Amino acid sequence: LSSSANDLARWLQVQLAHGALPGADGRRLYSEAAARELWTPQVLVPIQPLPAPIADITPQFSAYALGWNVQDYRGIKVVQHGGAVFGVLTFLVLVPERDL
């Protein structure tokens, strides 16, 4: 996937809006049900203990969803995905409960 920062920001807005297009008078790119499914854990990921100085941020759960990694940070759900190609690296992080 190749994109601009502006287009990625718009796509992330749709993600946070559970498929609703910004300013689109109720139009959707995908349904609420599909949005829920995207972030529903499909494969649990074992949690490795963190070193003592940062052990308090050890996630309580970690899983692969549909195209996303899902885990918690201090009890708050975090949704993320990253990738790299030809010297370019992207790491996207959403905090849906905070609309971030």
Protein backbone atom coordinates (compact mmCIF):
# COMPACT_ATOMS: atom_id res chain seq x y z
CA LEU A 1 0.00 0.00 0.00
CA SER A 2 1.37 3.41 -0.96
CA SER A 3 -0.35 6.49 0.38
CA SER A 4 0.10 10.07 1.50
CA ALA A 5 -0.07 11.17 5.13
CA ASN A 6 -3.28 13.07 4.32
CA ASP A 7 -4.98 10.01 2.83
CA LEU A 8 -3.84 7.81 5.72
CA ALA A 9 -5.28 10.33 8.18
CA ARG A 10 -8.63 10.24 6.36
CA TRP A 11 -8.60 6.43 6.34
CA LEU A 12 -7.87 6.38 10.09
CA GLN A 13 -10.82 8.74 10.64
CA VAL A 14 -13.05 6.19 8.89
CA GLN A 15 -11.60 3.46 11.11
CA LEU A 16 -12.36 5.45 14.27
CA ALA A 17 -15.87 6.23 12.96
CA HIS A 18 -16.52 2.48 12.51
CA GLY A 19 -16.86 2.74 8.74
CA ALA A 20 -18.71 6.06 8.50
CA LEU A 21 -17.29 8.51 5.96
CA PRO A 22 -16.42 11.92 7.47
CA GLY A 23 -18.99 14.57 6.55
CA ALA A 24 -20.80 12.15 4.24
CA ASP A 25 -24.34 12.53 5.59
CA GLY A 26 -24.52 8.99 6.94
CA ARG A 27 -22.75 7.27 4.04
CA ARG A 28 -20.52 4.39 5.06
CA LEU A 29 -17.52 2.64 3.56
CA TYR A 30 -18.39 -0.49 5.57
CA SER A 31 -20.94 -1.52 8.20
CA GLU A 32 -20.73 -1.23 11.98
CA ALA A 33 -20.73 -5.04 12.12
CA ALA A 34 -17.73 -5.19 9.78
CA ALA A 35 -15.97 -2.55 11.88
CA ARG A 36 -16.44 -4.64 15.04
CA GLU A 37 -15.15 -7.73 13.24
CA LEU A 38 -11.99 -5.94 12.06
CA TRP A 39 -10.85 -5.41 15.66
CA THR A 40 -12.14 -8.68 17.13
CA PRO A 41 -9.25 -10.92 18.23
CA GLN A 42 -8.83 -13.94 15.95
CA VAL A 43 -5.51 -15.39 17.15
CA LEU A 44 -4.19 -14.87 20.68
CA VAL A 45 -0.55 -13.82 20.98
CA PRO A 46 1.47 -15.00 23.98
CA ILE A 47 2.47 -12.15 26.28
CA GLN A 48 6.15 -12.03 27.15
CA PRO A 49 7.12 -10.63 30.56
CA LEU A 50 8.72 -7.20 30.37
CA PRO A 51 11.83 -6.17 32.32
CA ALA A 52 11.15 -5.03 35.90
CA PRO A 53 11.50 -1.26 35.23
CA ILE A 54 8.60 -1.38 32.74
CA ALA A 55 6.69 -4.43 33.97
CA ASP A 56 3.69 -2.28 34.94
CA ILE A 57 2.88 -1.70 31.26
CA THR A 58 2.74 -5.41 30.40
CA PRO A 59 -0.44 -5.92 28.32
CA GLN A 60 -3.24 -8.02 29.77
CA PHE A 61 -4.14 -9.31 26.29
CA SER A 62 -2.58 -9.34 22.84
CA ALA A 63 -4.06 -10.75 19.65
CA TYR A 64 -4.14 -10.62 15.88
CA ALA A 65 -7.42 -9.35 14.47
CA LEU A 66 -8.28 -8.89 10.78
CA GLY A 67 -5.32 -6.88 9.56
CA TRP A 68 -4.70 -5.33 12.98
CA ASN A 69 -2.82 -6.17 16.15
CA VAL A 70 -5.00 -5.58 19.21
CA GLN A 71 -3.77 -5.29 22.78
CA ASP A 72 -4.24 -3.13 25.84
CA TYR A 73 -2.04 -0.44 27.31
CA ARG A 74 -2.79 0.09 30.99
CA GLY A 75 -6.25 -1.36 30.45
CA ILE A 76 -7.10 0.67 27.33
CA LYS A 77 -7.57 -1.09 23.98
CA VAL A 78 -4.93 -0.22 21.38
CA VAL A 79 -5.26 -1.19 17.71
CA GLN A 80 -2.13 -1.08 15.56
CA HIS A 81 -0.60 -2.14 12.27
CA GLY A 82 2.80 -1.60 10.75
CA GLY A 83 4.75 -2.43 7.67
CA ALA A 84 7.82 -1.56 5.64
CA VAL A 85 8.92 -1.70 2.02
CA PHE A 86 11.85 -0.21 0.09
CA GLY A 87 13.21 1.78 3.03
CA VAL A 88 9.85 3.21 4.13
CA LEU A 89 8.35 2.25 7.48
CA THR A 90 4.84 2.95 8.73
CA PHE A 91 3.34 2.16 12.12
CA LEU A 92 -0.28 3.14 12.71
CA VAL A 93 -1.76 3.19 16.20
CA LEU A 94 -5.39 3.83 17.16
CA VAL A 95 -6.85 4.24 20.65
CA PRO A 96 -10.57 3.90 19.87
CA GLU A 97 -11.83 4.60 23.42
CA ARG A 98 -10.10 7.99 23.29
CA ASP A 99 -10.99 8.68 19.63
CA LEU A 100 -7.28 8.88 18.85
